[in-house]
Amino acid sequence: MLLEAYQYNEQNGIRHEPNLQKLKDGSVLLFTKAITNPDGLCLNYHGEPDKDVDEETLRKISPSNPEDNAQDGLSGMWSIAIPQREVVKRL
């Protein structure tokens, strides 16, 4: 569900903010952050065919990665679950 929220933000030009939630009655902290592609470099591989990805590159990568759909500025999401006791130990 969080990835869908980041996708919505990306599609609607809303700035991505990292997210921190308490899970399991607060005993686990979940940190999430969108993985974005602001400079367009990754679009050389993940971009739209014939727009961002040149024909030669497309021929080479399509057979090895036919279901790649990372064609916008959002590449995914970092998701890190940390037991709260570990955080407290380090304070």
C-alpha atoms as a PDB file:
ATOM      1  CA  MET A   1       0.000   0.000   0.000  1.00  0.00           C
ATOM      2  CA  LEU A   2       2.863   2.432   0.708  1.00  0.00           C
ATOM      3  CA  LEU A   3       4.373   1.813  -2.711  1.00  0.00           C
ATOM      4  CA  GLU A   4       0.999   2.711  -4.230  1.00  0.00           C
ATOM      5  CA  ALA A   5       1.052   5.986  -2.283  1.00  0.00           C
ATOM      6  CA  TYR A   6       4.519   6.776  -3.646  1.00  0.00           C
ATOM      7  CA  GLN A   7       3.274   5.911  -7.157  1.00  0.00           C
ATOM      8  CA  TYR A   8       0.302   8.249  -6.697  1.00  0.00           C
ATOM      9  CA  ASN A   9       2.637  11.035  -5.560  1.00  0.00           C
ATOM     10  CA  GLU A  10       4.891  10.493  -8.564  1.00  0.00           C
ATOM     11  CA  GLN A  11       1.998  10.547 -11.034  1.00  0.00           C
ATOM     12  CA  ASN A  12       0.547  13.715  -9.488  1.00  0.00           C
ATOM     13  CA  GLY A  13       3.747  15.686  -8.995  1.00  0.00           C
ATOM     14  CA  ILE A  14       3.618  15.452  -5.196  1.00  0.00           C
ATOM     15  CA  ARG A  15       6.923  15.503  -3.351  1.00  0.00           C
ATOM     16  CA  HIS A  16       7.925  12.178  -1.792  1.00  0.00           C
ATOM     17  CA  GLU A  17       8.508  12.209   1.958  1.00  0.00           C
ATOM     18  CA  PRO A  18      10.122   9.375   3.914  1.00  0.00           C
ATOM     19  CA  ASN A  19       7.698   7.522   6.145  1.00  0.00           C
ATOM     20  CA  LEU A  20       8.189   6.109   9.653  1.00  0.00           C
ATOM     21  CA  GLN A  21       5.555   3.897  11.260  1.00  0.00           C
ATOM     22  CA  LYS A  22       5.270   1.865  14.420  1.00  0.00           C
ATOM     23  CA  LEU A  23       4.284  -1.769  13.873  1.00  0.00           C
ATOM     24  CA  LYS A  24       3.486  -4.601  16.270  1.00  0.00           C
ATOM     25  CA  ASP A  25       2.317  -2.339  19.114  1.00  0.00           C
ATOM     26  CA  GLY A  26       5.336  -0.089  18.610  1.00  0.00           C
ATOM     27  CA  SER A  27       7.947  -2.801  19.046  1.00  0.00           C
ATOM     28  CA  VAL A  28       9.070  -2.475  15.396  1.00  0.00           C
ATOM     29  CA  LEU A  29       9.754   0.709  13.465  1.00  0.00           C
ATOM     30  CA  LEU A  30       9.210   0.631   9.700  1.00  0.00           C
ATOM     31  CA  PHE A  31      11.072   3.215   7.626  1.00  0.00           C
ATOM     32  CA  THR A  32      10.146   3.633   3.955  1.00  0.00           C
ATOM     33  CA  LYS A  33      11.478   5.988   1.310  1.00  0.00           C
ATOM     34  CA  ALA A  34      10.751   6.254  -2.391  1.00  0.00           C
ATOM     35  CA  ILE A  35      13.581   5.397  -4.754  1.00  0.00           C
ATOM     36  CA  THR A  36      13.378   8.040  -7.453  1.00  0.00           C
ATOM     37  CA  ASN A  37      15.179   8.804 -10.649  1.00  0.00           C
ATOM     38  CA  PRO A  38      15.332  12.607 -10.775  1.00  0.00           C
ATOM     39  CA  ASP A  39      18.204  12.966 -13.220  1.00  0.00           C
ATOM     40  CA  GLY A  40      16.892  10.532 -15.829  1.00  0.00           C
ATOM     41  CA  LEU A  41      20.060   8.424 -16.004  1.00  0.00           C
ATOM     42  CA  CYS A  42      18.207   5.175 -15.233  1.00  0.00           C
ATOM     43  CA  LEU A  43      15.726   5.942 -17.997  1.00  0.00           C
ATOM     44  CA  ASN A  44      18.424   4.905 -20.485  1.00  0.00           C
ATOM     45  CA  TYR A  45      17.476   1.367 -19.451  1.00  0.00           C
ATOM     46  CA  HIS A  46      14.054   1.694 -17.803  1.00  0.00           C
ATOM     47  CA  GLY A  47      12.575   4.447 -19.955  1.00  0.00           C
ATOM     48  CA  GLU A  48      10.012   4.465 -22.699  1.00  0.00           C
ATOM     49  CA  PRO A  49      11.079   2.641 -25.875  1.00  0.00           C
ATOM     50  CA  ASP A  50      12.071   4.955 -28.740  1.00  0.00           C
ATOM     51  CA  LYS A  51      11.943   7.947 -26.395  1.00  0.00           C
ATOM     52  CA  ASP A  52      14.427   7.302 -23.587  1.00  0.00           C
ATOM     53  CA  VAL A  53      15.811   3.902 -24.592  1.00  0.00           C
ATOM     54  CA  ASP A  54      17.534   3.726 -27.945  1.00  0.00           C
ATOM     55  CA  GLU A  55      16.740   0.866 -30.311  1.00  0.00           C
ATOM     56  CA  GLU A  56      20.055  -0.945 -29.866  1.00  0.00           C
ATOM     57  CA  THR A  57      19.775  -0.944 -26.065  1.00  0.00           C
ATOM     58  CA  LEU A  58      16.157  -2.074 -26.260  1.00  0.00           C
ATOM     59  CA  ARG A  59      17.108  -5.046 -28.451  1.00  0.00           C
ATOM     60  CA  LYS A  60      19.701  -6.135 -25.900  1.00  0.00           C
ATOM     61  CA  ILE A  61      17.621  -5.770 -22.739  1.00  0.00           C
ATOM     62  CA  SER A  62      14.100  -6.752 -23.773  1.00  0.00           C
ATOM     63  CA  PRO A  63      14.710 -10.517 -23.962  1.00  0.00           C
ATOM     64  CA  SER A  64      16.434 -10.551 -20.551  1.00  0.00           C
ATOM     65  CA  ASN A  65      13.928  -8.343 -18.759  1.00  0.00           C
ATOM     66  CA  PRO A  66      10.535  -8.503 -20.537  1.00  0.00           C
ATOM     67  CA  GLU A  67       8.425  -7.469 -17.530  1.00  0.00           C
ATOM     68  CA  ASP A  68      10.407  -4.358 -16.592  1.00  0.00           C
ATOM     69  CA  ASN A  69       7.899  -1.582 -15.997  1.00  0.00           C
ATOM     70  CA  ALA A  70      10.053   0.981 -14.214  1.00  0.00           C
ATOM     71  CA  GLN A  71       9.379   3.606 -16.845  1.00  0.00           C
ATOM     72  CA  ASP A  72       8.684   6.670 -14.730  1.00  0.00           C
ATOM     73  CA  GLY A  73      10.602   8.592 -12.091  1.00  0.00           C
ATOM     74  CA  LEU A  74       9.749   6.108  -9.339  1.00  0.00           C
ATOM     75  CA  SER A  75      11.990   3.061  -9.300  1.00  0.00           C
ATOM     76  CA  GLY A  76      10.708   1.434  -6.121  1.00  0.00           C
ATOM     77  CA  MET A  77      10.757   1.849  -2.367  1.00  0.00           C
ATOM     78  CA  TRP A  78      13.217   1.212   0.433  1.00  0.00           C
ATOM     79  CA  SER A  79      11.564  -0.596   3.324  1.00  0.00           C
ATOM     80  CA  ILE A  80      13.526  -1.199   6.526  1.00  0.00           C
ATOM     81  CA  ALA A  81      12.005  -2.777   9.634  1.00  0.00           C
ATOM     82  CA  ILE A  82      13.993  -2.159  12.811  1.00  0.00           C
ATOM     83  CA  PRO A  83      13.153  -3.561  16.239  1.00  0.00           C
ATOM     84  CA  GLN A  84      12.618  -0.549  18.485  1.00  0.00           C
ATOM     85  CA  ARG A  85      14.796  -2.066  21.229  1.00  0.00           C
ATOM     86  CA  GLU A  86      17.770  -1.892  18.827  1.00  0.00           C
ATOM     87  CA  VAL A  87      17.178   1.810  18.285  1.00  0.00           C
ATOM     88  CA  VAL A  88      16.931   2.454  22.024  1.00  0.00           C
ATOM     89  CA  LYS A  89      20.173   0.523  22.647  1.00  0.00           C
ATOM     90  CA  ARG A  90      22.050   2.929  20.404  1.00  0.00           C
ATOM     91  CA  LEU A  91      20.725   6.143  21.981  1.00  0.00           C
END
